[in-house]
Amino acid sequence: EEAERNGRWTTTLLFKAVRRLSERVKPEILDWWTQAWLLHVEGFHEARLDMEEVKVRVSRIKELVNLLWK
């Protein structure tokens, strides 16, 4: 609702939504999301992750994607 009113998602709203989703659906969602966020920021924007760090996170993020396709 707040994102619709503002016309966009902020980082704060996004993290709140993920936390609430993990509380209601599956606790691991928060961990998976955190890995995805870290990969996005540190791997894409900052380019500070080497291939091994990316591979470790991708395997965790796949669990989140698989949950969405169930």
Protein backbone atom coordinates (compact mmCIF):
# COMPACT_ATOMS: atom_id res chain seq x y z
CA GLU A 1 0.00 0.00 0.00
CA GLU A 2 2.72 2.46 0.94
CA ALA A 3 4.70 1.63 -2.19
CA GLU A 4 1.61 2.31 -4.29
CA ARG A 5 1.02 5.63 -2.55
CA ASN A 6 4.64 6.65 -3.07
CA GLY A 7 4.75 5.29 -6.60
CA ARG A 8 7.87 3.26 -5.83
CA TRP A 9 9.51 0.79 -3.50
CA THR A 10 12.15 2.09 -1.13
CA THR A 11 14.82 -0.12 0.37
CA THR A 12 13.17 0.25 3.77
CA LEU A 13 9.79 -0.90 2.46
CA LEU A 14 11.33 -3.76 0.54
CA PHE A 15 13.17 -5.08 3.58
CA LYS A 16 10.03 -4.76 5.74
CA ALA A 17 8.02 -6.69 3.16
CA VAL A 18 10.60 -9.47 3.00
CA ARG A 19 10.72 -9.71 6.80
CA ARG A 20 6.95 -9.95 7.04
CA LEU A 21 6.82 -12.52 4.27
CA SER A 22 9.42 -14.64 6.04
CA GLU A 23 7.42 -14.44 9.28
CA ARG A 24 4.23 -15.56 7.54
CA VAL A 25 5.44 -18.04 4.94
CA LYS A 26 8.90 -19.45 5.60
CA PRO A 27 11.68 -18.10 7.85
CA GLU A 28 14.40 -18.98 5.32
CA ILE A 29 13.05 -16.34 2.94
CA LEU A 30 14.82 -13.65 4.94
CA ASP A 31 18.16 -15.43 4.63
CA TRP A 32 17.68 -16.08 0.92
CA TRP A 33 16.71 -12.47 0.31
CA THR A 34 19.73 -11.22 2.25
CA GLN A 35 22.00 -13.30 0.01
CA ALA A 36 20.28 -11.92 -3.10
CA TRP A 37 20.62 -8.35 -1.85
CA LEU A 38 24.29 -8.83 -1.02
CA LEU A 39 24.92 -10.32 -4.45
CA HIS A 40 23.16 -7.39 -6.08
CA VAL A 41 25.00 -4.70 -4.14
CA GLU A 42 28.44 -6.21 -3.60
CA GLY A 43 28.56 -8.28 -6.78
CA PHE A 44 26.88 -5.99 -9.28
CA HIS A 45 27.16 -2.40 -8.04
CA GLU A 46 30.45 -2.64 -6.17
CA ALA A 47 32.07 -5.55 -8.07
CA ARG A 48 33.69 -6.81 -4.88
CA LEU A 49 32.74 -10.48 -5.04
CA ASP A 50 34.87 -13.08 -6.74
CA MET A 51 33.36 -16.00 -8.64
CA GLU A 52 33.43 -18.34 -5.63
CA GLU A 53 31.42 -15.87 -3.53
CA VAL A 54 28.92 -15.45 -6.36
CA LYS A 55 28.48 -19.22 -6.76
CA VAL A 56 27.80 -19.72 -3.06
CA ARG A 57 25.11 -17.05 -3.08
CA VAL A 58 23.50 -18.15 -6.33
CA SER A 59 22.81 -21.59 -4.90
CA ARG A 60 20.98 -19.98 -1.96
CA ILE A 61 19.07 -17.57 -4.18
CA LYS A 62 17.85 -20.49 -6.32
CA GLU A 63 15.99 -21.74 -3.25
CA LEU A 64 14.05 -18.47 -3.14
CA VAL A 65 13.26 -18.65 -6.85
CA ASN A 66 12.15 -22.27 -6.52
CA LEU A 67 9.77 -21.31 -3.71
CA LEU A 68 8.16 -18.74 -5.99
CA TRP A 69 7.54 -21.34 -8.70
CA LYS A 70 5.79 -23.82 -6.37
